[in-house]
Amino acid sequence: MDKQKVIQKLNEAFNYELMGAIRYLHYSFMVFGVRRIPVVEHLREEAEESFGHATKLGEKIAALGGTPSVSISESLKGKIKTVEQILKESLEHEMNAVKMYSDLLKDVQDDVVLDAFVREFVSEEQSHAEEVEKMLREP
């Protein structure tokens, strides 16, 4: 296992999760209408979970001898979006996370503990994506 490469990828995931927390919180302020309360609750839960993921990743980076680095460059503007637009962007974010963590598995496959650590993220992100897909389905 290339430890420096793994630390770099964990740092990328760390930043992706931090950006996700900010994105979900931002989205929660932009929801209006009759579906506001359950959608806002969902988005804020996702924000908290993304922050929790970032915390776990930061701890793992430090445990491996690296330094968690914050380099969030995305800008979120207050453009009004529909709930469907917000959910579609959320789904894209979750699917990107599934891919990111799945790709990371290739780099940690020789380390049983890191492999299990990353697989947990893959599973959680896939569950989030499935939940958003169900939210987007019309009966």
C-alpha atoms as a PDB file:
ATOM      1  CA  MET A   1       0.000   0.000   0.000  1.00  0.00           C
ATOM      2  CA  ASP A   2       1.280   3.431  -0.944  1.00  0.00           C
ATOM      3  CA  LYS A   3       0.651   5.275   2.333  1.00  0.00           C
ATOM      4  CA  GLN A   4       1.182   8.773   0.895  1.00  0.00           C
ATOM      5  CA  LYS A   5      -1.224   8.075  -1.968  1.00  0.00           C
ATOM      6  CA  VAL A   6      -3.827   6.784   0.490  1.00  0.00           C
ATOM      7  CA  ILE A   7      -3.388   9.861   2.707  1.00  0.00           C
ATOM      8  CA  GLN A   8      -3.813  12.102  -0.350  1.00  0.00           C
ATOM      9  CA  LYS A   9      -7.014  10.309  -1.355  1.00  0.00           C
ATOM     10  CA  LEU A  10      -8.310  10.395   2.211  1.00  0.00           C
ATOM     11  CA  ASN A  11      -7.659  14.160   2.207  1.00  0.00           C
ATOM     12  CA  GLU A  12      -9.636  14.477  -1.031  1.00  0.00           C
ATOM     13  CA  ALA A  13     -12.491  12.562   0.609  1.00  0.00           C
ATOM     14  CA  PHE A  14     -12.150  14.718   3.736  1.00  0.00           C
ATOM     15  CA  ASN A  15     -12.630  17.858   1.656  1.00  0.00           C
ATOM     16  CA  TYR A  16     -15.461  16.308  -0.349  1.00  0.00           C
ATOM     17  CA  GLU A  17     -17.308  15.500   2.877  1.00  0.00           C
ATOM     18  CA  LEU A  18     -16.727  18.992   4.287  1.00  0.00           C
ATOM     19  CA  MET A  19     -18.067  20.484   1.080  1.00  0.00           C
ATOM     20  CA  GLY A  20     -21.012  18.091   1.282  1.00  0.00           C
ATOM     21  CA  ALA A  21     -21.827  19.289   4.797  1.00  0.00           C
ATOM     22  CA  ILE A  22     -21.760  22.894   3.633  1.00  0.00           C
ATOM     23  CA  ARG A  23     -23.769  22.078   0.498  1.00  0.00           C
ATOM     24  CA  TYR A  24     -26.502  20.242   2.417  1.00  0.00           C
ATOM     25  CA  LEU A  25     -26.780  22.984   5.021  1.00  0.00           C
ATOM     26  CA  HIS A  26     -26.950  25.598   2.256  1.00  0.00           C
ATOM     27  CA  TYR A  27     -29.644  23.621   0.437  1.00  0.00           C
ATOM     28  CA  SER A  28     -31.685  23.370   3.630  1.00  0.00           C
ATOM     29  CA  PHE A  29     -32.102  27.154   3.684  1.00  0.00           C
ATOM     30  CA  MET A  30     -33.438  27.173   0.127  1.00  0.00           C
ATOM     31  CA  VAL A  31     -36.387  24.796   0.497  1.00  0.00           C
ATOM     32  CA  PHE A  32     -39.880  26.255   0.481  1.00  0.00           C
ATOM     33  CA  GLY A  33     -43.372  24.917   0.056  1.00  0.00           C
ATOM     34  CA  VAL A  34     -45.466  22.137   1.526  1.00  0.00           C
ATOM     35  CA  ARG A  35     -42.579  19.640   1.490  1.00  0.00           C
ATOM     36  CA  ARG A  36     -40.232  21.988   3.351  1.00  0.00           C
ATOM     37  CA  ILE A  37     -40.092  20.347   6.773  1.00  0.00           C
ATOM     38  CA  PRO A  38     -39.272  16.743   5.770  1.00  0.00           C
ATOM     39  CA  VAL A  39     -36.848  17.863   3.042  1.00  0.00           C
ATOM     40  CA  VAL A  40     -35.054  20.312   5.361  1.00  0.00           C
ATOM     41  CA  GLU A  41     -34.802  17.602   8.030  1.00  0.00           C
ATOM     42  CA  HIS A  42     -33.322  15.200   5.477  1.00  0.00           C
ATOM     43  CA  LEU A  43     -30.807  17.768   4.211  1.00  0.00           C
ATOM     44  CA  ARG A  44     -29.676  18.725   7.702  1.00  0.00           C
ATOM     45  CA  GLU A  45     -29.260  15.066   8.667  1.00  0.00           C
ATOM     46  CA  GLU A  46     -27.101  14.638   5.572  1.00  0.00           C
ATOM     47  CA  ALA A  47     -25.066  17.717   6.560  1.00  0.00           C
ATOM     48  CA  GLU A  48     -24.448  16.258  10.009  1.00  0.00           C
ATOM     49  CA  GLU A  49     -23.500  12.888   8.554  1.00  0.00           C
ATOM     50  CA  SER A  50     -21.089  14.487   6.066  1.00  0.00           C
ATOM     51  CA  PHE A  51     -19.470  16.385   8.929  1.00  0.00           C
ATOM     52  CA  GLY A  52     -19.218  13.104  10.847  1.00  0.00           C
ATOM     53  CA  HIS A  53     -17.587  11.439   7.844  1.00  0.00           C
ATOM     54  CA  ALA A  54     -15.110  14.319   7.575  1.00  0.00           C
ATOM     55  CA  THR A  55     -14.286  13.901  11.258  1.00  0.00           C
ATOM     56  CA  LYS A  56     -13.607  10.163  10.852  1.00  0.00           C
ATOM     57  CA  LEU A  57     -11.496  10.812   7.767  1.00  0.00           C
ATOM     58  CA  GLY A  58      -9.499  13.527   9.522  1.00  0.00           C
ATOM     59  CA  GLU A  59      -8.812  11.190  12.425  1.00  0.00           C
ATOM     60  CA  LYS A  60      -7.714   8.411  10.061  1.00  0.00           C
ATOM     61  CA  ILE A  61      -5.425  10.786   8.130  1.00  0.00           C
ATOM     62  CA  ALA A  62      -3.803  11.855  11.407  1.00  0.00           C
ATOM     63  CA  ALA A  63      -3.488   8.217  12.553  1.00  0.00           C
ATOM     64  CA  LEU A  64      -1.640   7.397   9.324  1.00  0.00           C
ATOM     65  CA  GLY A  65       0.820  10.234   9.963  1.00  0.00           C
ATOM     66  CA  GLY A  66      -0.727  12.748   7.598  1.00  0.00           C
ATOM     67  CA  THR A  67      -2.261  16.144   8.160  1.00  0.00           C
ATOM     68  CA  PRO A  68      -5.898  16.805   7.283  1.00  0.00           C
ATOM     69  CA  SER A  69      -5.881  19.719   4.833  1.00  0.00           C
ATOM     70  CA  VAL A  70      -8.879  21.908   4.139  1.00  0.00           C
ATOM     71  CA  SER A  71      -9.066  23.224   0.596  1.00  0.00           C
ATOM     72  CA  ILE A  72     -12.682  23.813  -0.296  1.00  0.00           C
ATOM     73  CA  SER A  73     -12.932  25.803  -3.495  1.00  0.00           C
ATOM     74  CA  GLU A  74     -16.565  25.435  -4.530  1.00  0.00           C
ATOM     75  CA  SER A  75     -18.784  28.481  -4.204  1.00  0.00           C
ATOM     76  CA  LEU A  76     -22.483  28.168  -3.473  1.00  0.00           C
ATOM     77  CA  LYS A  77     -24.633  31.060  -4.538  1.00  0.00           C
ATOM     78  CA  GLY A  78     -28.139  31.684  -3.230  1.00  0.00           C
ATOM     79  CA  LYS A  79     -29.793  30.857  -6.559  1.00  0.00           C
ATOM     80  CA  ILE A  80     -33.333  29.614  -5.947  1.00  0.00           C
ATOM     81  CA  LYS A  81     -33.791  25.970  -6.897  1.00  0.00           C
ATOM     82  CA  THR A  82     -36.707  23.608  -6.811  1.00  0.00           C
ATOM     83  CA  VAL A  83     -36.755  20.696  -4.397  1.00  0.00           C
ATOM     84  CA  GLU A  84     -36.283  18.389  -7.378  1.00  0.00           C
ATOM     85  CA  GLN A  85     -33.180  20.307  -8.512  1.00  0.00           C
ATOM     86  CA  ILE A  86     -31.740  20.166  -5.009  1.00  0.00           C
ATOM     87  CA  LEU A  87     -32.412  16.436  -4.768  1.00  0.00           C
ATOM     88  CA  LYS A  88     -30.915  15.768  -8.207  1.00  0.00           C
ATOM     89  CA  GLU A  89     -27.754  17.640  -7.227  1.00  0.00           C
ATOM     90  CA  SER A  90     -27.735  15.717  -3.932  1.00  0.00           C
ATOM     91  CA  LEU A  91     -28.019  12.434  -5.824  1.00  0.00           C
ATOM     92  CA  GLU A  92     -25.103  13.413  -8.052  1.00  0.00           C
ATOM     93  CA  HIS A  93     -23.058  14.288  -4.955  1.00  0.00           C
ATOM     94  CA  GLU A  94     -23.858  10.911  -3.363  1.00  0.00           C
ATOM     95  CA  MET A  95     -23.045   8.960  -6.533  1.00  0.00           C
ATOM     96  CA  ASN A  96     -19.715  10.788  -6.834  1.00  0.00           C
ATOM     97  CA  ALA A  97     -18.985   9.830  -3.224  1.00  0.00           C
ATOM     98  CA  VAL A  98     -19.771   6.161  -3.952  1.00  0.00           C
ATOM     99  CA  LYS A  99     -17.338   6.256  -6.881  1.00  0.00           C
ATOM    100  CA  MET A 100     -14.672   8.094  -4.882  1.00  0.00           C
ATOM    101  CA  TYR A 101     -14.771   5.581  -2.020  1.00  0.00           C
ATOM    102  CA  SER A 102     -15.024   2.591  -4.377  1.00  0.00           C
ATOM    103  CA  ASP A 103     -11.898   3.804  -6.182  1.00  0.00           C
ATOM    104  CA  LEU A 104     -10.131   4.217  -2.836  1.00  0.00           C
ATOM    105  CA  LEU A 105     -10.784   0.541  -2.069  1.00  0.00           C
ATOM    106  CA  LYS A 106      -8.248  -0.408  -4.743  1.00  0.00           C
ATOM    107  CA  ASP A 107      -5.540   1.457  -2.846  1.00  0.00           C
ATOM    108  CA  VAL A 108      -6.284  -0.017   0.588  1.00  0.00           C
ATOM    109  CA  GLN A 109      -7.078  -3.623  -0.326  1.00  0.00           C
ATOM    110  CA  ASP A 110      -3.861  -4.847   1.317  1.00  0.00           C
ATOM    111  CA  ASP A 111      -4.854  -3.341   4.681  1.00  0.00           C
ATOM    112  CA  VAL A 112      -7.804  -5.140   6.270  1.00  0.00           C
ATOM    113  CA  VAL A 113      -8.610  -2.304   8.686  1.00  0.00           C
ATOM    114  CA  LEU A 114      -8.497   0.449   6.055  1.00  0.00           C
ATOM    115  CA  ASP A 115     -10.476  -1.732   3.663  1.00  0.00           C
ATOM    116  CA  ALA A 116     -13.243  -2.148   6.247  1.00  0.00           C
ATOM    117  CA  PHE A 117     -13.079   1.570   7.057  1.00  0.00           C
ATOM    118  CA  VAL A 118     -13.588   2.557   3.404  1.00  0.00           C
ATOM    119  CA  ARG A 119     -16.245  -0.098   2.741  1.00  0.00           C
ATOM    120  CA  GLU A 120     -18.372   1.434   5.486  1.00  0.00           C
ATOM    121  CA  PHE A 121     -18.314   4.746   3.607  1.00  0.00           C
ATOM    122  CA  VAL A 122     -19.223   3.032   0.320  1.00  0.00           C
ATOM    123  CA  SER A 123     -22.191   1.370   1.981  1.00  0.00           C
ATOM    124  CA  GLU A 124     -23.427   4.549   3.684  1.00  0.00           C
ATOM    125  CA  GLU A 125     -23.091   6.669   0.539  1.00  0.00           C
ATOM    126  CA  GLN A 126     -24.881   4.036  -1.546  1.00  0.00           C
ATOM    127  CA  SER A 127     -27.719   3.994   1.007  1.00  0.00           C
ATOM    128  CA  HIS A 128     -27.953   7.787   0.795  1.00  0.00           C
ATOM    129  CA  ALA A 129     -28.088   7.661  -2.995  1.00  0.00           C
ATOM    130  CA  GLU A 130     -30.851   5.060  -2.897  1.00  0.00           C
ATOM    131  CA  GLU A 131     -32.841   7.181  -0.444  1.00  0.00           C
ATOM    132  CA  VAL A 132     -32.589  10.258  -2.664  1.00  0.00           C
ATOM    133  CA  GLU A 133     -33.560   8.183  -5.710  1.00  0.00           C
ATOM    134  CA  LYS A 134     -36.703   7.113  -3.845  1.00  0.00           C
ATOM    135  CA  MET A 135     -37.426  10.732  -2.895  1.00  0.00           C
ATOM    136  CA  LEU A 136     -37.244  11.695  -6.582  1.00  0.00           C
ATOM    137  CA  ARG A 137     -39.641   8.949  -7.686  1.00  0.00           C
ATOM    138  CA  GLU A 138     -43.176  10.012  -8.314  1.00  0.00           C
ATOM    139  CA  PRO A 139     -45.926   7.570  -7.295  1.00  0.00           C
END
